[in-house]
């Protein structure tokens, strides 16, 4: 286990999507990342967000922990990952989204404790992201635009005190929306060795991602094309070998199928503070949760609204939330993420395994 102090979150929330806006799973105000949102995404000691550092990556939550070191550590023995004794835990996974009682699960990076509260836990995160960022005058469905789609994979194992939230000042929340202000310190982030993870269905026959001694972000094997790790609408198989005997915490072996989600298109109302803002998009049959980010920046001021909803094709951001946005901002970015997330919560170990696929579309 390694500990390091970081002050800003970057890269994948998110990377995923069920980053959450609350620590209470029964609270409807509960992202991807975490994107986390997804995110599903990290480290710098300056005032940098993912959208600042790389226009091809979403600005996401700390769910995905936060380092961007992807030093190539080479490949390990694939047979180790594909051992026939590796159990298939599909039946024990939980999909993200509200359950039958309309309660949302804990945000990614957290699990319920004995008191029913969502608390940060060591989390192994595997995320596939199809991303596309365009200007106002470009079409998401134009063939030339689709040629710009990036398809990347992200694997990390970490625990963060701010799991389930952006590392920013909380300005208020309504429904499943939260408004964020200035960056804050996210405290200590612990990284873990959760064992190697093998992905099949990529551009290469199989790829083993290995723990990194210097980062919570796993090292990819050589030969994975940057921005083109897999074909559109691909079915991936994710196999985790589990942590080595004697290591704490204990991450169990697992196997999970994952269907990637291609980018689509979305439309939105103009950004007008104190007015409701309607966002519409094309629902996807493999997506269960949608995250919406509206980012406004002027000078050194930043105001961001993040909302999470079911994939029903539209969502209206409440006026109480748009009231936090900057009027006539110099820099405006609007993002929509659709995601499918599988959670594995072992009964005999207080860890979390999250396997997710998401698309991410941004208009700026």
Protein backbone atom coordinates (compact mmCIF):
# COMPACT_ATOMS: atom_id res chain seq x y z
CA UNK A 1 0.00 0.00 0.00
CA UNK A 2 1.28 3.45 -0.89
CA UNK A 3 0.14 6.81 0.48
CA UNK A 4 0.52 10.16 -1.18
CA UNK A 5 -0.98 13.64 -0.74
CA UNK A 6 -2.58 15.26 -3.73
CA UNK A 7 -4.47 18.49 -4.14
CA UNK A 8 -6.38 18.18 -7.36
CA UNK A 9 -8.27 15.47 -9.21
CA UNK A 10 -7.79 14.72 -12.90
CA UNK A 11 -8.62 12.05 -15.40
CA UNK A 12 -11.43 9.57 -15.78
CA UNK A 13 -14.97 9.65 -13.43
CA UNK A 14 -15.10 9.08 -13.93
CA UNK A 15 -14.66 8.46 -13.90
CA UNK A 16 -17.43 7.22 -13.98
CA UNK A 17 -20.70 8.11 -13.66
CA UNK A 18 -22.14 7.18 -10.32
CA UNK A 19 -19.87 9.63 -8.62
CA UNK A 20 -22.76 10.59 -6.35
CA UNK A 21 -23.72 13.89 -4.85
CA UNK A 22 -24.37 12.72 -1.33
CA UNK A 23 -22.98 10.38 1.28
CA UNK A 24 -26.46 9.07 1.96
CA UNK A 25 -27.61 6.42 -0.56
CA UNK A 26 -31.23 7.06 0.30
CA UNK A 27 -30.84 10.79 -0.28
CA UNK A 28 -31.97 11.68 -3.79
CA UNK A 29 -29.34 14.41 -3.89
CA UNK A 30 -26.60 11.89 -3.85
CA UNK A 31 -21.11 11.22 -10.45
CA UNK A 32 -18.91 8.87 -12.88
CA UNK A 33 -16.79 9.13 -12.30
CA UNK A 34 -16.20 8.86 -11.72
CA UNK A 35 -17.21 9.51 -13.79
CA UNK A 36 -16.66 9.56 -12.25
CA UNK A 37 -17.83 10.59 -13.87
CA UNK A 38 -16.85 8.76 -13.72
CA UNK A 39 -15.29 9.51 -12.70
CA UNK A 40 -15.00 8.07 -14.36
CA UNK A 41 -10.30 10.10 -13.34
CA UNK A 42 -5.07 13.07 -11.29
CA UNK A 43 -2.25 14.57 -9.83
CA UNK A 44 -0.88 18.01 -9.84
CA UNK A 45 -0.19 20.50 -7.12
CA UNK A 46 -1.56 23.36 -9.12
CA UNK A 47 -4.96 24.64 -10.12
CA UNK A 48 -5.56 22.17 -12.90
CA UNK A 49 -8.57 20.15 -13.91
CA UNK A 50 -8.79 17.42 -16.49
CA UNK A 51 -10.40 19.74 -18.98
CA UNK A 52 -7.56 22.21 -18.51
CA UNK A 53 -4.81 19.65 -18.87
CA UNK A 54 -6.18 17.67 -21.80
CA UNK A 55 -9.11 18.72 -23.93
CA UNK A 56 -9.72 15.08 -24.83
CA UNK A 57 -10.37 13.98 -21.25
CA UNK A 58 -13.38 14.79 -19.07
CA UNK A 59 -13.08 16.75 -15.82
CA UNK A 60 -14.18 14.15 -13.36
CA UNK A 61 -14.44 13.19 -9.76
CA UNK A 62 -11.84 11.60 -7.54
CA UNK A 63 -13.66 8.29 -7.76
CA UNK A 64 -11.07 7.01 -10.14
CA UNK A 65 -8.17 8.37 -8.06
CA UNK A 66 -6.18 10.53 -9.42
CA UNK A 67 -2.74 9.84 -10.87
CA UNK A 68 -1.97 10.11 -14.51
CA UNK A 69 1.26 8.14 -14.43
CA UNK A 70 0.89 5.33 -16.94
CA UNK A 71 4.49 4.21 -17.04
CA UNK A 72 4.77 1.04 -19.11
CA UNK A 73 5.59 -1.80 -16.79
CA UNK A 74 5.35 -4.44 -19.48
CA UNK A 75 3.14 -7.50 -19.61
CA UNK A 76 2.66 -10.34 -17.17
CA UNK A 77 1.70 -13.93 -17.80
CA UNK A 78 -1.80 -13.96 -19.27
CA UNK A 79 -2.32 -17.54 -18.16
CA UNK A 80 -2.20 -16.33 -14.57
CA UNK A 81 -5.26 -14.16 -15.26
CA UNK A 82 -7.19 -16.78 -17.19
CA UNK A 83 -6.84 -19.57 -14.66
CA UNK A 84 -9.89 -21.81 -14.85
CA UNK A 85 -10.29 -21.49 -11.09
CA UNK A 86 -11.15 -17.80 -11.41
CA UNK A 87 -14.82 -17.56 -10.36
CA UNK A 88 -17.44 -15.85 -12.45
CA UNK A 89 -19.12 -13.36 -10.13
CA UNK A 90 -21.63 -11.96 -12.62
CA UNK A 91 -24.52 -13.06 -10.47
CA UNK A 92 -23.21 -11.06 -7.51
CA UNK A 93 -22.66 -7.77 -9.28
CA UNK A 94 -24.93 -4.77 -8.84
CA UNK A 95 -25.74 -2.43 -11.68
CA UNK A 96 -25.62 1.29 -11.01
CA UNK A 97 -28.93 3.15 -10.87
CA UNK A 98 -31.90 3.21 -8.51
CA UNK A 99 -33.16 -0.07 -7.08
CA UNK A 100 -36.78 -1.14 -6.77
CA UNK A 101 -37.25 1.30 -3.89
CA UNK A 102 -35.90 4.17 -6.04
CA UNK A 103 -32.83 4.42 -3.81
CA UNK A 104 -29.48 4.97 -5.50
CA UNK A 105 -26.41 2.98 -4.49
CA UNK A 106 -23.50 4.54 -2.66
CA UNK A 107 -21.26 6.70 -4.86
CA UNK A 108 -18.37 4.94 -6.57
CA UNK A 109 -15.49 4.59 -4.14
CA UNK A 110 -17.80 4.06 -1.16
CA UNK A 111 -19.80 1.29 0.50
CA UNK A 112 -22.29 1.24 3.36
CA UNK A 113 -20.88 0.61 6.82
CA UNK A 114 -22.64 -1.05 9.75
CA UNK A 115 -24.60 2.15 10.37
CA UNK A 116 -25.86 2.31 6.79
CA UNK A 117 -23.63 5.26 5.91
CA UNK A 118 -21.63 5.45 2.68
CA UNK A 119 -17.92 5.49 3.58
CA UNK A 120 -14.77 5.47 1.38
CA UNK A 121 -13.26 2.01 0.81
CA UNK A 122 -10.35 0.66 -1.25
CA UNK A 123 -11.70 0.53 -4.80
CA UNK A 124 -10.47 -1.23 -7.93
CA UNK A 125 -11.77 0.70 -10.92
CA UNK A 126 -11.82 -0.55 -14.53
CA UNK A 127 -13.35 1.88 -16.99
CA UNK A 128 -13.74 1.99 -20.78
CA UNK A 129 -14.56 5.43 -22.20
CA UNK A 130 -15.64 6.52 -25.70
CA UNK A 131 -15.11 10.30 -25.75
CA UNK A 132 -15.75 13.11 -28.23
CA UNK A 133 -15.32 16.86 -27.69
CA UNK A 134 -16.65 19.30 -30.29
CA UNK A 135 -17.24 23.00 -30.83
CA UNK A 136 -20.65 24.66 -31.10
CA UNK A 137 -20.72 24.46 -34.90
CA UNK A 138 -19.79 20.77 -35.17
CA UNK A 139 -22.10 17.76 -35.31
CA UNK A 140 -21.73 14.71 -33.10
CA UNK A 141 -23.14 12.53 -35.88
CA UNK A 142 -20.98 13.83 -38.73
CA UNK A 143 -18.65 11.09 -40.07
CA UNK A 144 -15.66 13.43 -39.75
CA UNK A 145 -16.55 14.03 -36.10
CA UNK A 146 -16.92 10.32 -35.41
CA UNK A 147 -13.39 9.82 -36.71
CA UNK A 148 -12.25 11.93 -33.74
CA UNK A 149 -13.72 9.60 -31.10
CA UNK A 150 -11.16 8.44 -28.52
CA UNK A 151 -11.55 5.00 -26.93
CA UNK A 152 -9.40 4.45 -23.88
CA UNK A 153 -9.16 2.21 -20.84
CA UNK A 154 -8.36 3.16 -17.28
CA UNK A 155 -7.50 0.88 -14.36
CA UNK A 156 -6.71 2.07 -10.83
CA UNK A 157 -6.86 0.88 -7.22
CA UNK A 158 -7.18 3.51 -4.50
CA UNK A 159 -9.14 5.05 -1.67
CA UNK A 160 -9.84 8.75 -1.27
CA UNK A 161 -11.47 10.71 1.58
CA UNK A 162 -13.52 12.61 -1.00
CA UNK A 163 -14.68 9.57 -2.99
CA UNK A 164 -18.02 10.31 -4.59
CA UNK A 165 -17.47 14.03 -5.05
CA UNK A 166 -15.41 16.50 -7.01
CA UNK A 167 -12.56 18.00 -4.94
CA UNK A 168 -14.28 21.37 -4.88
CA UNK A 169 -16.24 23.59 -2.53
CA UNK A 170 -19.86 22.44 -2.25
CA UNK A 171 -22.12 25.41 -3.01
CA UNK A 172 -25.42 23.56 -2.66
CA UNK A 173 -27.45 20.64 -3.96
CA UNK A 174 -30.97 19.90 -5.15
CA UNK A 175 -32.39 16.57 -6.27
CA UNK A 176 -29.37 14.68 -7.69
CA UNK A 177 -27.51 17.87 -8.66
CA UNK A 178 -24.65 19.58 -6.89
CA UNK A 179 -22.99 22.95 -7.53
CA UNK A 180 -19.22 23.25 -7.07
CA UNK A 181 -16.90 26.18 -6.62
CA UNK A 182 -13.17 26.47 -5.95
CA UNK A 183 -10.80 23.53 -5.74
CA UNK A 184 -10.04 22.16 -2.28
CA UNK A 185 -7.45 19.75 -0.92
CA UNK A 186 -8.65 16.16 -1.17
CA UNK A 187 -6.32 14.91 1.54
CA UNK A 188 -4.42 11.65 1.42
CA UNK A 189 -5.10 9.15 -1.35
CA UNK A 190 -4.02 5.57 -0.71
CA UNK A 191 -3.14 3.31 -3.61
CA UNK A 192 -3.32 -0.49 -3.48
CA UNK A 193 -2.17 -3.62 -5.25
CA UNK A 194 -5.43 -5.32 -6.19
CA UNK A 195 -3.70 -7.82 -8.46
CA UNK A 196 -3.30 -7.77 -12.26
CA UNK A 197 -6.34 -7.22 -14.46
CA UNK A 198 -6.70 -8.79 -17.92
CA UNK A 199 -8.96 -7.34 -20.61
CA UNK A 200 -9.97 -9.30 -23.70
CA UNK A 201 -11.70 -7.87 -26.76
CA UNK A 202 -9.24 -4.99 -27.35
CA UNK A 203 -7.23 -4.20 -30.48
CA UNK A 204 -4.70 -6.68 -29.10
CA UNK A 205 -5.70 -10.25 -28.29
CA UNK A 206 -5.53 -9.71 -24.55
CA UNK A 207 -3.97 -7.08 -22.32
CA UNK A 208 -2.75 -7.37 -18.75
CA UNK A 209 -2.80 -4.18 -16.67
CA UNK A 210 -0.44 -4.37 -13.71
CA UNK A 211 -0.15 -2.46 -10.42
CA UNK A 212 2.25 0.49 -10.52
CA UNK A 213 4.69 0.99 -7.65
CA UNK A 214 4.61 4.76 -8.13
CA UNK A 215 0.93 5.38 -8.75
CA UNK A 216 -2.60 4.19 -8.10
CA UNK A 217 -3.09 4.03 -11.88
CA UNK A 218 -2.21 0.62 -13.34
CA UNK A 219 0.41 0.29 -16.07
CA UNK A 220 -0.92 -0.84 -19.47
CA UNK A 221 0.94 -3.42 -21.54
CA UNK A 222 2.79 -2.34 -24.69
CA UNK A 223 0.85 -2.29 -27.94
CA UNK A 224 -2.39 -0.63 -26.78
CA UNK A 225 -3.09 2.17 -29.31
CA UNK A 226 -3.64 5.46 -27.47
CA UNK A 227 -7.16 6.68 -28.24
CA UNK A 228 -8.02 3.46 -30.10
CA UNK A 229 -7.85 0.71 -27.50
CA UNK A 230 -10.94 -1.07 -28.84
CA UNK A 231 -13.48 -0.90 -31.68
CA UNK A 232 -16.82 0.86 -31.34
CA UNK A 233 -19.55 -1.12 -29.57
CA UNK A 234 -17.21 -3.87 -28.40
CA UNK A 235 -17.92 -6.57 -25.84
CA UNK A 236 -15.04 -6.79 -23.38
CA UNK A 237 -14.18 -9.50 -20.87
CA UNK A 238 -12.57 -8.27 -17.67
CA UNK A 239 -10.71 -10.80 -15.48
CA UNK A 240 -9.17 -9.89 -12.14
CA UNK A 241 -6.66 -12.27 -10.57
CA UNK A 242 -7.25 -10.85 -7.10
CA UNK A 243 -4.65 -9.59 -4.67
CA UNK A 244 -1.74 -11.81 -3.62
CA UNK A 245 -2.01 -13.89 -0.45
CA UNK A 246 -1.02 -11.89 2.60
CA UNK A 247 -1.77 -8.50 1.07
CA UNK A 248 -4.33 -6.23 2.73
CA UNK A 249 -6.98 -5.32 1.83
CA UNK A 250 -8.13 -8.50 0.08
CA UNK A 251 -9.46 -8.06 -3.46
CA UNK A 252 -11.09 -11.30 -4.68
CA UNK A 253 -10.71 -12.72 -8.21
CA UNK A 254 -13.57 -11.93 -10.58
CA UNK A 255 -14.75 -12.07 -14.17
CA UNK A 256 -17.20 -9.63 -15.78
CA UNK A 257 -18.52 -8.95 -19.28
CA UNK A 258 -18.71 -5.29 -20.31
CA UNK A 259 -20.37 -3.73 -23.36
CA UNK A 260 -18.81 -0.46 -24.46
CA UNK A 261 -21.13 2.48 -25.17
CA UNK A 262 -20.59 4.54 -28.34
CA UNK A 263 -20.90 8.31 -28.39
CA UNK A 264 -24.23 9.80 -29.42
CA UNK A 265 -25.50 13.39 -29.60
CA UNK A 266 -27.20 15.82 -27.22
CA UNK A 267 -28.87 19.24 -27.26
CA UNK A 268 -29.31 21.81 -24.53
CA UNK A 269 -31.02 25.06 -23.66
CA UNK A 270 -28.89 28.20 -23.42
CA UNK A 271 -27.11 28.64 -20.10
CA UNK A 272 -29.10 31.27 -18.20
CA UNK A 273 -28.53 31.52 -14.45
CA UNK A 274 -31.75 31.24 -12.40
CA UNK A 275 -33.56 29.54 -15.30
CA UNK A 276 -34.22 25.79 -15.72
CA UNK A 277 -31.96 24.20 -18.33
CA UNK A 278 -33.23 21.29 -20.42
CA UNK A 279 -30.73 18.72 -21.73
CA UNK A 280 -31.85 16.08 -24.25
CA UNK A 281 -29.95 13.11 -25.68
CA UNK A 282 -30.48 9.72 -27.34
CA UNK A 283 -30.94 6.98 -24.71
CA UNK A 284 -28.79 3.86 -25.09
CA UNK A 285 -30.05 0.34 -24.21
CA UNK A 286 -26.81 -0.54 -22.41
CA UNK A 287 -26.67 2.64 -20.31
CA UNK A 288 -28.36 2.96 -16.93
CA UNK A 289 -27.11 6.31 -15.61
CA UNK A 290 -26.45 9.69 -17.22
CA UNK A 291 -24.23 12.39 -15.76
CA UNK A 292 -24.46 16.02 -16.93
CA UNK A 293 -21.77 18.63 -16.26
CA UNK A 294 -22.13 22.36 -16.93
CA UNK A 295 -18.82 24.19 -16.40
CA UNK A 296 -18.49 27.98 -16.43
CA UNK A 297 -15.23 29.88 -15.98
CA UNK A 298 -14.32 33.57 -16.04
CA UNK A 299 -10.88 34.69 -14.97
CA UNK A 300 -10.00 32.79 -11.82
CA UNK A 301 -13.62 31.98 -10.94
CA UNK A 302 -15.13 28.56 -11.67
CA UNK A 303 -18.67 27.33 -11.13
CA UNK A 304 -19.70 23.80 -12.07
CA UNK A 305 -23.05 22.03 -11.82
CA UNK A 306 -23.07 18.22 -11.92
CA UNK A 307 -26.31 16.22 -12.14
CA UNK A 308 -27.03 12.50 -12.34
CA UNK A 309 -30.19 10.89 -13.67
CA UNK A 310 -31.57 7.76 -15.29
CA UNK A 311 -31.04 7.33 -19.03
CA UNK A 312 -34.48 8.52 -20.14
CA UNK A 313 -33.37 10.94 -22.87
CA UNK A 314 -33.89 14.24 -21.07
CA UNK A 315 -33.30 16.06 -17.82
CA UNK A 316 -34.06 19.59 -16.65
CA UNK A 317 -31.45 21.13 -14.39
CA UNK A 318 -33.35 23.05 -11.69
CA UNK A 319 -33.14 26.85 -11.58
CA UNK A 320 -31.76 26.57 -8.03
CA UNK A 321 -28.70 24.91 -9.56
CA UNK A 322 -28.20 27.15 -12.59
CA UNK A 323 -28.27 30.11 -10.19
CA UNK A 324 -24.71 29.12 -9.21
CA UNK A 325 -23.39 29.34 -12.79
CA UNK A 326 -21.48 32.36 -14.10
CA UNK A 327 -23.55 34.60 -16.37
CA UNK A 328 -21.96 35.14 -19.82
CA UNK A 329 -18.93 33.06 -18.83
CA UNK A 330 -15.74 33.38 -20.85
CA UNK A 331 -15.37 29.60 -20.94
CA UNK A 332 -18.40 27.28 -21.17
CA UNK A 333 -18.35 23.50 -21.43
CA UNK A 334 -21.34 21.15 -21.33
CA UNK A 335 -20.81 17.40 -21.03
CA UNK A 336 -23.11 14.38 -21.11
CA UNK A 337 -21.96 10.92 -20.03
CA UNK A 338 -23.96 7.70 -20.42
CA UNK A 339 -22.70 4.75 -18.41
CA UNK A 340 -23.21 1.14 -17.45
CA UNK A 341 -21.57 0.19 -14.16
CA UNK A 342 -21.20 -3.14 -12.36
CA UNK A 343 -20.32 -3.13 -8.65
CA UNK A 344 -18.80 -6.12 -6.86
CA UNK A 345 -19.03 -5.86 -3.06
CA UNK A 346 -17.40 -8.93 -1.45
CA UNK A 347 -19.03 -10.08 1.77
CA UNK A 348 -15.74 -11.02 3.41
CA UNK A 349 -13.70 -7.93 2.52
CA UNK A 350 -14.59 -4.25 2.81
CA UNK A 351 -13.43 -3.36 -0.71
CA UNK A 352 -15.24 -2.39 -3.89
CA UNK A 353 -14.68 -3.47 -7.49
CA UNK A 354 -16.21 -1.25 -10.17
CA UNK A 355 -16.30 -2.24 -13.85
CA UNK A 356 -17.86 0.39 -16.08
CA UNK A 357 -18.27 1.55 -19.66
CA UNK A 358 -19.26 5.08 -20.55
CA UNK A 359 -19.43 7.52 -23.39
CA UNK A 360 -18.58 11.15 -22.88
CA UNK A 361 -19.70 13.95 -25.19
CA UNK A 362 -18.63 17.53 -24.59
CA UNK A 363 -19.70 20.75 -26.29
CA UNK A 364 -17.51 23.83 -25.84
